[in-house]
Amino acid sequence: MHSWTYRHRRAAEGATGAQTKGLVLAGGARYDLHTWLIDTLYFRGQGRQLRTRTLQLAELQPGEQVLDVGCGTGTLAIEAARRVGEMGRVVGIDPGTEQIARAQEKAARRSVPVTFEVGVIEQLAFPDATVDVVLSTLMFHHLPAPLKRHGLAEIARVLKPGGRLVIADFKRQHERKGLAARFHAGGSSEQELAALVAEAGFVHVETEELRPIRFSAFPGASLVTAKKG
């Protein structure tokens, strides 16, 4: 099985003028279609399950301020907005202009008030200590190691004291078995992610694994939760 069948490019410069050293995905509506097909035909719905579990671990409350870093086409951010309600605020950032355009279109069509902006993890355009929760799903394996540390420092900067972080990513390729071994998208080490989060000054770092179910090509996923000290 091939990896995702959308286009991508490295070190792309977004509309903000900020440049990322990570991988930038493109495709917009095509990305959504391919993601749905893969989740339906190969993952047996475990992609949706991963989003649901991410939001459960975030424990979002009405009125909270949420930032989705690497939001892609906005599916998770739109679901988060429904949980924080009208008094809350959700912002999704991504370096991919096509992904952001698609996310804006989806939010408008569903009448969900989410702000989507082209942005990069290297320089989060938010004041210090203003965000309650930061989410990041299936994105950290797109970043080189130095950028992971830099990005976590930026996330810690914008989070309020006691603010919550949830990171979800695929398992590494060599850890996959059976049908999942044929899926070639990258992944992260649960232990390395947790160590990087702790190194960035976060506390109460916990990990959880979402394993493939029978006859699923889902690669398995690691979820890391933590709070800003």
Protein backbone atom coordinates (compact mmCIF):
# COMPACT_ATOMS: atom_id res chain seq x y z
CA MET A 1 0.00 0.00 0.00
CA HIS A 2 1.32 3.42 -0.83
CA SER A 3 1.47 6.23 1.70
CA TRP A 4 -1.00 9.10 1.44
CA THR A 5 -1.69 9.93 -2.19
CA TYR A 6 -1.72 13.69 -1.84
CA ARG A 7 0.98 16.12 -2.90
CA HIS A 8 3.52 17.49 -0.43
CA ARG A 9 6.54 19.76 -0.34
CA ARG A 10 9.27 20.62 2.14
CA ALA A 11 10.26 23.98 3.67
CA ALA A 12 7.38 25.83 2.05
CA GLU A 13 6.73 29.48 2.84
CA GLY A 14 3.20 30.36 3.90
CA ALA A 15 1.20 33.51 3.40
CA THR A 16 2.47 34.83 6.72
CA GLY A 17 6.00 34.93 5.35
CA ALA A 18 7.13 32.46 8.03
CA GLN A 19 9.04 29.43 6.83
CA THR A 20 8.98 25.96 8.32
CA LYS A 21 11.66 23.30 8.26
CA GLY A 22 8.99 20.62 8.61
CA LEU A 23 6.97 18.82 5.98
CA VAL A 24 4.11 20.81 4.43
CA LEU A 25 1.12 18.87 3.14
CA ALA A 26 -1.23 19.96 0.38
CA GLY A 27 -4.26 18.66 -1.44
CA GLY A 28 -7.19 20.28 0.34
CA ALA A 29 -10.37 18.45 -0.66
CA ARG A 30 -8.34 15.61 -2.24
CA TYR A 31 -6.57 15.11 1.08
CA ASP A 32 -9.92 14.78 2.84
CA LEU A 33 -11.19 12.29 0.28
CA HIS A 34 -8.10 10.12 0.49
CA THR A 35 -8.09 10.29 4.28
CA TRP A 36 -11.73 9.18 4.40
CA LEU A 37 -11.09 6.32 1.97
CA ILE A 38 -8.05 5.09 3.89
CA ASP A 39 -9.84 5.29 7.24
CA THR A 40 -12.94 3.56 5.89
CA LEU A 41 -11.33 0.86 3.76
CA TYR A 42 -8.05 0.16 5.57
CA PHE A 43 -8.19 1.58 9.11
CA ARG A 44 -11.73 0.39 9.91
CA GLY A 45 -12.57 3.76 11.43
CA GLN A 46 -9.59 3.96 13.78
CA GLY A 47 -8.62 7.36 12.41
CA ARG A 48 -11.92 8.74 13.71
CA GLN A 49 -11.37 6.86 16.94
CA LEU A 50 -8.00 8.58 17.36
CA ARG A 51 -9.59 12.02 16.96
CA THR A 52 -12.28 11.15 19.49
CA ARG A 53 -9.75 9.90 22.03
CA THR A 54 -7.58 13.00 21.53
CA LEU A 55 -10.52 15.24 22.41
CA GLN A 56 -11.47 13.06 25.38
CA LEU A 57 -7.95 13.36 26.80
CA ALA A 58 -7.99 17.13 26.25
CA GLU A 59 -11.00 17.40 28.58
CA LEU A 60 -12.21 20.52 26.80
CA GLN A 61 -14.53 22.77 28.78
CA PRO A 62 -17.00 25.43 27.59
CA GLY A 63 -15.32 28.79 27.18
CA GLU A 64 -11.76 27.51 26.80
CA GLN A 65 -9.17 28.80 24.32
CA VAL A 66 -7.81 25.99 22.12
CA LEU A 67 -4.98 25.91 19.58
CA ASP A 68 -4.63 23.07 17.06
CA VAL A 69 -1.04 23.07 15.77
CA GLY A 70 -0.75 21.40 12.37
CA CYS A 71 -4.53 21.41 11.95
CA GLY A 72 -4.52 20.21 8.34
CA THR A 73 -7.98 20.55 6.84
CA GLY A 74 -9.52 21.34 10.21
CA THR A 75 -11.54 18.24 11.12
CA LEU A 76 -10.26 18.01 14.71
CA ALA A 77 -10.47 21.77 15.31
CA ILE A 78 -14.09 21.85 14.15
CA GLU A 79 -14.96 19.06 16.56
CA ALA A 80 -13.10 20.90 19.35
CA ALA A 81 -15.09 24.08 18.65
CA ARG A 82 -18.34 22.26 19.25
CA ARG A 83 -17.08 21.24 22.70
CA VAL A 84 -15.92 24.67 23.89
CA GLY A 85 -19.11 26.34 22.67
CA GLU A 86 -19.87 29.91 21.75
CA MET A 87 -17.95 31.33 24.70
CA GLY A 88 -14.81 29.43 23.73
CA ARG A 89 -12.39 29.96 20.86
CA VAL A 90 -10.53 27.50 18.64
CA VAL A 91 -7.70 28.46 16.31
CA GLY A 92 -6.10 26.04 13.86
CA ILE A 93 -2.76 26.75 12.23
CA ASP A 94 -1.00 24.91 9.43
CA PRO A 95 1.76 25.89 6.97
CA GLY A 96 -0.20 24.44 4.04
CA THR A 97 -2.23 27.12 2.28
CA GLU A 98 -4.42 24.56 0.51
CA GLN A 99 -5.15 22.81 3.81
CA ILE A 100 -6.12 26.09 5.50
CA ALA A 101 -8.37 27.09 2.60
CA ARG A 102 -10.14 23.74 2.83
CA ALA A 103 -10.49 24.06 6.62
CA GLN A 104 -12.03 27.52 6.28
CA GLU A 105 -14.48 26.21 3.69
CA LYS A 106 -15.54 23.31 5.94
CA ALA A 107 -16.04 25.51 8.99
CA ALA A 108 -18.10 28.02 7.02
CA ARG A 109 -20.26 25.29 5.48
CA ARG A 110 -20.98 23.82 8.90
CA SER A 111 -21.42 27.24 10.57
CA VAL A 112 -18.77 26.45 13.18
CA PRO A 113 -16.80 29.51 14.38
CA VAL A 114 -13.19 28.35 14.07
CA THR A 115 -10.31 30.61 13.07
CA PHE A 116 -7.92 28.97 10.60
CA GLU A 117 -4.63 30.67 9.77
CA VAL A 118 -1.48 29.84 7.84
CA GLY A 119 1.18 29.51 10.52
CA VAL A 120 4.21 27.51 11.60
CA ILE A 121 5.21 25.86 14.84
CA GLU A 122 8.52 27.73 14.82
CA GLN A 123 6.73 30.99 15.61
CA LEU A 124 3.25 30.75 17.08
CA ALA A 125 1.51 34.08 16.58
CA PHE A 126 -0.05 34.18 20.04
CA PRO A 127 0.82 36.11 23.21
CA ASP A 128 2.40 34.34 26.16
CA ALA A 129 0.15 32.35 28.49
CA THR A 130 -3.12 32.86 26.59
CA VAL A 131 -4.16 29.33 25.54
CA ASP A 132 -5.87 26.70 27.70
CA VAL A 133 -5.27 23.65 25.51
CA VAL A 134 -2.93 22.81 22.62
CA LEU A 135 -3.65 19.85 20.34
CA SER A 136 -1.34 18.32 17.74
CA THR A 137 -2.26 15.15 15.85
CA LEU A 138 -0.27 13.14 13.28
CA MET A 139 2.14 16.04 12.83
CA PHE A 140 5.22 15.57 15.00
CA HIS A 141 6.72 12.92 12.73
CA HIS A 142 6.87 15.63 10.05
CA LEU A 143 9.37 17.64 12.13
CA PRO A 144 13.15 17.19 12.43
CA ALA A 145 14.35 16.68 16.01
CA PRO A 146 15.55 20.27 16.64
CA LEU A 147 12.20 21.61 15.43
CA LYS A 148 10.31 19.31 17.80
CA ARG A 149 12.17 20.92 20.72
CA HIS A 150 11.67 24.42 19.33
CA GLY A 151 7.98 23.77 18.71
CA LEU A 152 7.40 22.42 22.21
CA ALA A 153 9.07 25.51 23.66
CA GLU A 154 6.69 27.68 21.63
CA ILE A 155 3.72 25.61 22.79
CA ALA A 156 4.82 25.99 26.41
CA ARG A 157 5.15 29.74 25.90
CA VAL A 158 1.57 30.26 24.68
CA LEU A 159 -0.07 27.90 27.20
CA LYS A 160 -1.40 29.27 30.46
CA PRO A 161 0.08 27.84 33.68
CA GLY A 162 -1.60 24.47 34.11
CA GLY A 163 -2.60 24.48 30.42
CA ARG A 164 -3.00 21.11 28.77
CA LEU A 165 -1.16 19.54 25.83
CA VAL A 166 -2.25 16.47 23.84
CA ILE A 167 -0.02 15.06 21.10
CA ALA A 168 -1.07 12.07 19.00
CA ASP A 169 1.07 10.41 16.35
CA PHE A 170 1.38 7.13 14.47
CA LYS A 171 3.70 4.46 15.80
CA ARG A 172 7.07 4.16 14.08
CA GLN A 173 7.25 1.97 10.99
CA HIS A 174 9.46 -0.74 12.50
CA GLU A 175 6.97 -1.17 15.37
CA ARG A 176 4.10 -2.10 13.05
CA LYS A 177 2.97 -5.62 12.27
CA GLY A 178 0.64 -7.35 9.84
CA LEU A 179 -1.40 -5.12 7.55
CA ALA A 180 -0.18 -2.03 9.40
CA ALA A 181 3.39 -2.71 8.25
CA ARG A 182 2.29 -1.91 4.68
CA PHE A 183 1.27 1.65 5.59
CA HIS A 184 4.24 3.88 4.89
CA ALA A 185 3.40 7.16 6.63
CA GLY A 186 5.95 8.16 9.26
CA GLY A 187 5.54 7.92 13.01
CA SER A 188 7.06 8.78 16.35
CA SER A 189 8.45 6.94 19.34
CA GLU A 190 6.12 7.19 22.33
CA GLN A 191 9.07 7.25 24.72
CA GLU A 192 10.94 9.92 22.76
CA LEU A 193 7.85 12.13 22.50
CA ALA A 194 7.21 11.86 26.24
CA ALA A 195 10.86 12.64 26.98
CA LEU A 196 10.82 15.71 24.74
CA VAL A 197 7.63 16.96 26.39
CA ALA A 198 9.16 16.55 29.85
CA GLU A 199 12.38 18.20 28.68
CA ALA A 200 10.32 21.23 27.58
CA GLY A 201 9.20 21.71 31.19
CA PHE A 202 5.81 20.01 31.11
CA VAL A 203 4.61 18.01 34.11
CA HIS A 204 2.20 15.11 34.66
CA VAL A 205 3.39 13.59 31.39
CA GLU A 206 1.37 10.47 30.58
CA THR A 207 1.23 8.17 27.57
CA GLU A 208 -1.43 5.97 26.03
CA GLU A 209 -1.43 3.60 23.07
CA LEU A 210 -4.17 3.03 20.50
CA ARG A 211 -3.51 -0.38 19.00
CA PRO A 212 -4.74 -1.70 15.64
CA ILE A 213 -7.81 -3.85 15.75
CA ARG A 214 -8.03 -7.14 13.86
CA PHE A 215 -7.90 -6.83 10.06
CA SER A 216 -7.03 -3.12 10.29
CA ALA A 217 -4.06 -1.48 8.54
CA PHE A 218 -4.07 1.29 11.15
CA PRO A 219 -0.41 1.78 12.18
CA GLY A 220 -1.18 2.17 15.86
CA ALA A 221 -0.82 5.48 17.63
CA SER A 222 0.73 6.99 20.70
CA LEU A 223 -0.94 9.76 22.68
CA VAL A 224 1.02 11.97 25.07
CA THR A 225 -0.73 14.24 27.55
CA ALA A 226 0.88 16.80 29.84
CA LYS A 227 0.36 20.08 31.68
CA LYS A 228 2.40 23.25 31.70
CA GLY A 229 4.23 23.49 35.02
